[in-house]
Amino acid sequence: MAQNVIVLLTDDIDGGEADETISFALNGKSYEIDLSNQNANKLREAFAPFVEKARKTGHGGTVSKTRVGDKPAGMGSKTLFSGLDAESKKRFRSWAKMPTARRVSDARVQEWIDAGRP
């Protein structure tokens, strides 16, 4: 028996019909939102001045789906830094000029990884 499945997207802002799903990332978290063309344009216009000045990451324009835990720091979650071996931690601290930092952000470690772990 043949079936036709129709997916109707609803705009997450105004409840009307959505035309597309937009993916974006902020503060290390990935998001998706369904928007009409009008609201999608508003979002792109709002991001435009920040995108224009931002650095591109080594992800080839895509958001990395690899995460090492979803719990906030301090809640027993594993961080990228804590997953490094002792030699890698030493090399990272030298590269980042952070010899005594007690907290190291995943974003900073990811920069080092993207730079080829120099």
N, C-alpha and C. Protein backbone atom coordinates (compact mmCIF):
# COMPACT_ATOMS: atom_id res chain seq x y z
N MET A 1 0.85 -1.18 0.00
CA MET A 1 0.00 0.00 0.00
C MET A 1 0.89 1.25 0.00
N ALA A 2 0.67 2.15 -0.91
CA ALA A 2 1.45 3.38 -1.01
C ALA A 2 0.91 4.42 -0.05
N GLN A 3 1.83 5.22 0.46
CA GLN A 3 1.44 6.31 1.35
C GLN A 3 2.14 7.58 0.91
N ASN A 4 1.48 8.69 1.06
CA ASN A 4 2.07 10.00 0.87
C ASN A 4 2.12 10.66 2.23
N VAL A 5 3.31 11.08 2.62
CA VAL A 5 3.48 11.75 3.90
C VAL A 5 3.78 13.21 3.61
N ILE A 6 3.02 14.09 4.21
CA ILE A 6 3.21 15.52 4.03
C ILE A 6 3.66 16.10 5.37
N VAL A 7 4.80 16.80 5.32
CA VAL A 7 5.33 17.46 6.50
C VAL A 7 5.03 18.94 6.38
N LEU A 8 4.30 19.47 7.32
CA LEU A 8 3.96 20.89 7.33
C LEU A 8 4.71 21.54 8.48
N LEU A 9 5.59 22.48 8.16
CA LEU A 9 6.34 23.18 9.18
C LEU A 9 5.54 24.37 9.70
N THR A 10 5.61 24.58 10.99
CA THR A 10 4.94 25.71 11.63
C THR A 10 6.00 26.68 12.12
N ASP A 11 5.86 27.95 11.78
CA ASP A 11 6.80 28.98 12.20
C ASP A 11 6.82 29.05 13.72
N ASP A 12 8.01 28.86 14.29
CA ASP A 12 8.15 28.85 15.75
C ASP A 12 7.98 30.23 16.38
N ILE A 13 7.98 31.28 15.59
CA ILE A 13 7.81 32.63 16.12
C ILE A 13 6.34 33.06 16.12
N ASP A 14 5.69 32.95 14.96
CA ASP A 14 4.33 33.48 14.87
C ASP A 14 3.24 32.44 14.67
N GLY A 15 3.62 31.17 14.59
CA GLY A 15 2.62 30.11 14.47
C GLY A 15 2.07 29.90 13.08
N GLY A 16 2.50 30.71 12.12
CA GLY A 16 2.04 30.54 10.74
C GLY A 16 2.80 29.42 10.06
N GLU A 17 2.64 29.34 8.74
CA GLU A 17 3.33 28.30 7.97
C GLU A 17 4.80 28.67 7.81
N ALA A 18 5.69 27.70 8.08
CA ALA A 18 7.13 27.93 7.94
C ALA A 18 7.60 27.43 6.58
N ASP A 19 8.63 28.07 6.06
CA ASP A 19 9.18 27.71 4.76
C ASP A 19 10.49 26.94 4.86
N GLU A 20 11.16 27.06 6.00
CA GLU A 20 12.47 26.42 6.14
C GLU A 20 12.84 26.22 7.60
N THR A 21 13.79 25.34 7.80
CA THR A 21 14.37 25.11 9.12
C THR A 21 15.78 25.69 9.09
N ILE A 22 16.09 26.55 10.04
CA ILE A 22 17.40 27.18 10.11
C ILE A 22 18.15 26.61 11.31
N SER A 23 19.40 26.20 11.07
CA SER A 23 20.27 25.71 12.13
C SER A 23 21.30 26.79 12.45
N PHE A 24 21.61 26.94 13.73
CA PHE A 24 22.65 27.87 14.12
C PHE A 24 23.22 27.41 15.46
N ALA A 25 24.35 27.97 15.84
CA ALA A 25 24.98 27.61 17.11
C ALA A 25 25.39 28.89 17.82
N LEU A 26 25.29 28.85 19.14
CA LEU A 26 25.66 29.99 19.97
C LEU A 26 26.09 29.46 21.33
N ASN A 27 27.21 29.95 21.82
CA ASN A 27 27.73 29.54 23.12
C ASN A 27 27.88 28.03 23.24
N GLY A 28 28.33 27.41 22.16
CA GLY A 28 28.60 25.98 22.18
C GLY A 28 27.38 25.09 22.09
N LYS A 29 26.21 25.65 21.87
CA LYS A 29 24.99 24.86 21.75
C LYS A 29 24.41 25.06 20.36
N SER A 30 23.91 23.97 19.78
CA SER A 30 23.30 24.02 18.45
C SER A 30 21.79 24.13 18.58
N TYR A 31 21.20 24.89 17.66
CA TYR A 31 19.75 25.11 17.68
C TYR A 31 19.20 24.95 16.27
N GLU A 32 17.92 24.63 16.18
CA GLU A 32 17.17 24.66 14.93
C GLU A 32 15.86 25.38 15.19
N ILE A 33 15.41 26.13 14.19
CA ILE A 33 14.14 26.84 14.32
C ILE A 33 13.45 26.82 12.96
N ASP A 34 12.15 26.58 12.96
CA ASP A 34 11.35 26.59 11.74
C ASP A 34 10.78 27.99 11.56
N LEU A 35 11.01 28.59 10.37
CA LEU A 35 10.60 29.97 10.14
C LEU A 35 10.02 30.17 8.75
N SER A 36 9.14 31.16 8.66
CA SER A 36 8.65 31.62 7.35
C SER A 36 9.80 32.37 6.68
N ASN A 37 9.66 32.62 5.38
CA ASN A 37 10.70 33.39 4.68
C ASN A 37 10.91 34.75 5.34
N GLN A 38 9.82 35.40 5.74
CA GLN A 38 9.91 36.72 6.36
C GLN A 38 10.70 36.66 7.67
N ASN A 39 10.37 35.70 8.54
CA ASN A 39 11.09 35.62 9.82
C ASN A 39 12.51 35.11 9.64
N ALA A 40 12.74 34.26 8.63
CA ALA A 40 14.10 33.80 8.34
C ALA A 40 14.97 34.98 7.91
N ASN A 41 14.41 35.86 7.10
CA ASN A 41 15.15 37.05 6.68
C ASN A 41 15.46 37.95 7.88
N LYS A 42 14.51 38.09 8.79
CA LYS A 42 14.75 38.90 10.00
C LYS A 42 15.90 38.32 10.81
N LEU A 43 15.91 36.98 10.95
CA LEU A 43 16.99 36.34 11.71
C LEU A 43 18.34 36.57 11.03
N ARG A 44 18.38 36.37 9.73
CA ARG A 44 19.64 36.57 8.99
C ARG A 44 20.11 38.03 9.08
N GLU A 45 19.17 38.97 9.00
CA GLU A 45 19.54 40.39 9.12
C GLU A 45 20.07 40.70 10.52
N ALA A 46 19.47 40.08 11.54
CA ALA A 46 19.93 40.31 12.91
C ALA A 46 21.33 39.75 13.13
N PHE A 47 21.63 38.60 12.52
CA PHE A 47 22.94 37.98 12.67
C PHE A 47 24.00 38.63 11.79
N ALA A 48 23.60 39.29 10.70
CA ALA A 48 24.52 39.78 9.68
C ALA A 48 25.71 40.57 10.22
N PRO A 49 25.52 41.57 11.10
CA PRO A 49 26.70 42.32 11.55
C PRO A 49 27.67 41.48 12.37
N PHE A 50 27.16 40.46 13.04
CA PHE A 50 28.02 39.60 13.84
C PHE A 50 28.75 38.59 12.97
N VAL A 51 28.04 38.03 11.97
CA VAL A 51 28.65 37.08 11.05
C VAL A 51 29.74 37.76 10.25
N GLU A 52 29.49 39.02 9.86
CA GLU A 52 30.46 39.78 9.08
C GLU A 52 31.79 39.93 9.82
N LYS A 53 31.76 40.08 11.12
CA LYS A 53 32.97 40.30 11.91
C LYS A 53 33.54 39.03 12.53
N ALA A 54 32.79 37.93 12.46
CA ALA A 54 33.20 36.69 13.13
C ALA A 54 34.28 35.95 12.34
N ARG A 55 35.04 35.12 13.06
CA ARG A 55 36.00 34.22 12.44
C ARG A 55 35.28 32.94 12.05
N LYS A 56 35.65 32.35 10.93
CA LYS A 56 35.10 31.05 10.56
C LYS A 56 35.88 29.98 11.31
N THR A 57 35.17 28.95 11.71
CA THR A 57 35.84 27.84 12.40
C THR A 57 36.29 26.80 11.39
N GLY A 58 36.98 25.80 11.86
CA GLY A 58 37.48 24.75 11.00
C GLY A 58 36.46 23.69 10.68
N HIS A 59 35.19 23.98 10.88
CA HIS A 59 34.14 22.99 10.65
C HIS A 59 33.61 23.03 9.22
N GLY A 60 34.25 23.77 8.33
CA GLY A 60 33.80 23.81 6.95
C GLY A 60 32.43 24.44 6.78
N GLY A 61 32.05 25.31 7.72
CA GLY A 61 30.77 25.99 7.62
C GLY A 61 29.62 25.23 8.25
N THR A 62 29.92 24.07 8.83
CA THR A 62 28.86 23.31 9.48
C THR A 62 29.09 23.28 10.98
N VAL A 63 28.05 23.03 11.70
CA VAL A 63 28.13 22.95 13.15
C VAL A 63 28.51 21.53 13.54
N SER A 64 29.49 21.40 14.39
CA SER A 64 29.91 20.08 14.84
C SER A 64 28.82 19.43 15.67
N LYS A 65 28.56 18.17 15.41
CA LYS A 65 27.56 17.42 16.17
C LYS A 65 28.20 16.67 17.33
N THR A 66 29.54 16.71 17.41
CA THR A 66 30.24 15.99 18.46
C THR A 66 30.30 16.83 19.72
N ARG A 67 29.73 16.33 20.78
CA ARG A 67 29.75 17.02 22.07
C ARG A 67 30.21 16.04 23.11
N VAL A 68 30.94 16.52 24.09
CA VAL A 68 31.43 15.67 25.16
C VAL A 68 30.60 15.93 26.40
N GLY A 69 29.34 15.62 26.36
CA GLY A 69 28.48 15.83 27.52
C GLY A 69 27.62 17.05 27.36
N ASP A 70 26.43 16.99 27.87
CA ASP A 70 25.50 18.10 27.73
C ASP A 70 25.21 18.80 29.05
N LYS A 71 25.79 18.31 30.13
CA LYS A 71 25.54 18.94 31.43
C LYS A 71 26.40 20.19 31.57
N PRO A 72 25.92 21.19 32.29
CA PRO A 72 26.74 22.38 32.52
C PRO A 72 28.00 22.01 33.30
N ALA A 73 29.05 22.78 33.10
CA ALA A 73 30.29 22.55 33.84
C ALA A 73 30.01 22.60 35.34
N GLY A 74 30.69 21.75 36.06
CA GLY A 74 30.47 21.71 37.50
C GLY A 74 29.38 20.73 37.89
N MET A 75 28.75 20.09 36.92
CA MET A 75 27.69 19.14 37.20
C MET A 75 28.16 17.72 36.88
N GLY A 76 29.48 17.50 36.96
CA GLY A 76 30.01 16.18 36.68
C GLY A 76 30.16 15.90 35.20
N SER A 77 30.07 16.92 34.36
CA SER A 77 30.19 16.71 32.93
C SER A 77 31.66 16.65 32.54
N LYS A 78 31.94 15.93 31.48
CA LYS A 78 33.29 15.83 30.96
C LYS A 78 33.51 16.96 29.97
N THR A 79 34.62 17.62 30.05
CA THR A 79 34.94 18.70 29.12
C THR A 79 35.96 18.21 28.11
N LEU A 80 36.15 18.96 27.03
CA LEU A 80 37.17 18.61 26.06
C LEU A 80 38.55 18.57 26.71
N PHE A 81 38.81 19.55 27.58
CA PHE A 81 40.11 19.62 28.24
C PHE A 81 40.33 18.41 29.14
N SER A 82 39.33 18.02 29.89
CA SER A 82 39.51 16.88 30.80
C SER A 82 39.72 15.57 30.04
N GLY A 83 39.32 15.53 28.78
CA GLY A 83 39.51 14.33 27.98
C GLY A 83 40.89 14.22 27.35
N LEU A 84 41.71 15.25 27.50
CA LEU A 84 43.06 15.23 26.93
C LEU A 84 44.01 14.46 27.84
N ASP A 85 45.04 13.85 27.23
CA ASP A 85 46.07 13.21 28.05
C ASP A 85 47.01 14.29 28.60
N ALA A 86 47.87 13.91 29.52
CA ALA A 86 48.73 14.88 30.22
C ALA A 86 49.61 15.67 29.25
N GLU A 87 50.20 15.01 28.26
CA GLU A 87 51.07 15.71 27.30
C GLU A 87 50.27 16.72 26.47
N SER A 88 49.06 16.34 26.04
CA SER A 88 48.21 17.25 25.27
C SER A 88 47.79 18.44 26.11
N LYS A 89 47.48 18.21 27.38
CA LYS A 89 47.12 19.33 28.26
C LYS A 89 48.28 20.31 28.37
N LYS A 90 49.49 19.77 28.50
CA LYS A 90 50.68 20.63 28.60
C LYS A 90 50.86 21.45 27.33
N ARG A 91 50.72 20.80 26.15
CA ARG A 91 50.86 21.51 24.88
C ARG A 91 49.76 22.56 24.71
N PHE A 92 48.51 22.21 25.11
CA PHE A 92 47.41 23.17 25.01
C PHE A 92 47.70 24.38 25.88
N ARG A 93 48.09 24.16 27.15
CA ARG A 93 48.34 25.28 28.08
C ARG A 93 49.42 26.20 27.54
N SER A 94 50.44 25.63 26.92
CA SER A 94 51.51 26.45 26.34
C SER A 94 50.98 27.26 25.17
N TRP A 95 50.22 26.61 24.26
CA TRP A 95 49.66 27.29 23.10
C TRP A 95 48.70 28.40 23.52
N ALA A 96 47.86 28.12 24.51
CA ALA A 96 46.84 29.07 24.93
C ALA A 96 47.36 30.11 25.93
N LYS A 97 48.61 29.95 26.34
CA LYS A 97 49.19 30.85 27.34
C LYS A 97 48.30 30.89 28.60
N MET A 98 47.95 29.71 29.07
CA MET A 98 47.07 29.55 30.24
C MET A 98 47.72 28.57 31.24
N PRO A 99 48.92 28.89 31.73
CA PRO A 99 49.61 27.91 32.58
C PRO A 99 48.92 27.61 33.90
N THR A 100 48.11 28.53 34.40
CA THR A 100 47.51 28.31 35.73
C THR A 100 45.99 28.37 35.74
N ALA A 101 45.38 28.47 34.57
CA ALA A 101 43.91 28.59 34.52
C ALA A 101 43.27 27.34 35.11
N ARG A 102 42.27 27.54 35.96
CA ARG A 102 41.57 26.41 36.56
C ARG A 102 40.42 25.94 35.70
N ARG A 103 39.84 26.85 34.92
CA ARG A 103 38.73 26.50 34.03
C ARG A 103 39.14 26.80 32.60
N VAL A 104 38.92 25.83 31.74
CA VAL A 104 39.26 25.98 30.33
C VAL A 104 38.01 25.68 29.53
N SER A 105 37.59 26.63 28.69
CA SER A 105 36.35 26.44 27.92
C SER A 105 36.55 25.44 26.79
N ASP A 106 35.47 24.72 26.48
CA ASP A 106 35.49 23.80 25.36
C ASP A 106 35.79 24.55 24.06
N ALA A 107 35.28 25.78 23.94
CA ALA A 107 35.50 26.56 22.73
C ALA A 107 36.99 26.82 22.50
N ARG A 108 37.70 27.12 23.58
CA ARG A 108 39.14 27.40 23.46
C ARG A 108 39.90 26.13 23.09
N VAL A 109 39.54 25.01 23.69
CA VAL A 109 40.18 23.73 23.36
C VAL A 109 39.87 23.37 21.90
N GLN A 110 38.63 23.62 21.47
CA GLN A 110 38.27 23.32 20.09
C GLN A 110 39.09 24.17 19.12
N GLU A 111 39.38 25.42 19.46
CA GLU A 111 40.25 26.27 18.63
C GLU A 111 41.61 25.62 18.45
N TRP A 112 42.14 25.11 19.55
CA TRP A 112 43.46 24.44 19.53
C TRP A 112 43.40 23.19 18.66
N ILE A 113 42.34 22.40 18.81
CA ILE A 113 42.18 21.19 18.00
C ILE A 113 42.08 21.56 16.52
N ASP A 114 41.27 22.59 16.21
CA ASP A 114 41.09 23.03 14.83
C ASP A 114 42.40 23.57 14.23
N ALA A 115 43.26 24.10 15.09
CA ALA A 115 44.56 24.63 14.63
C ALA A 115 45.57 23.51 14.43
N GLY A 116 45.18 22.26 14.64
CA GLY A 116 46.07 21.14 14.42
C GLY A 116 46.85 20.70 15.65
N ARG A 117 46.40 21.12 16.81
CA ARG A 117 47.05 20.77 18.09
C ARG A 117 48.53 21.12 18.09
N PRO A 118 48.86 22.37 17.78
CA PRO A 118 50.29 22.75 17.68
C PRO A 118 51.02 22.63 19.00
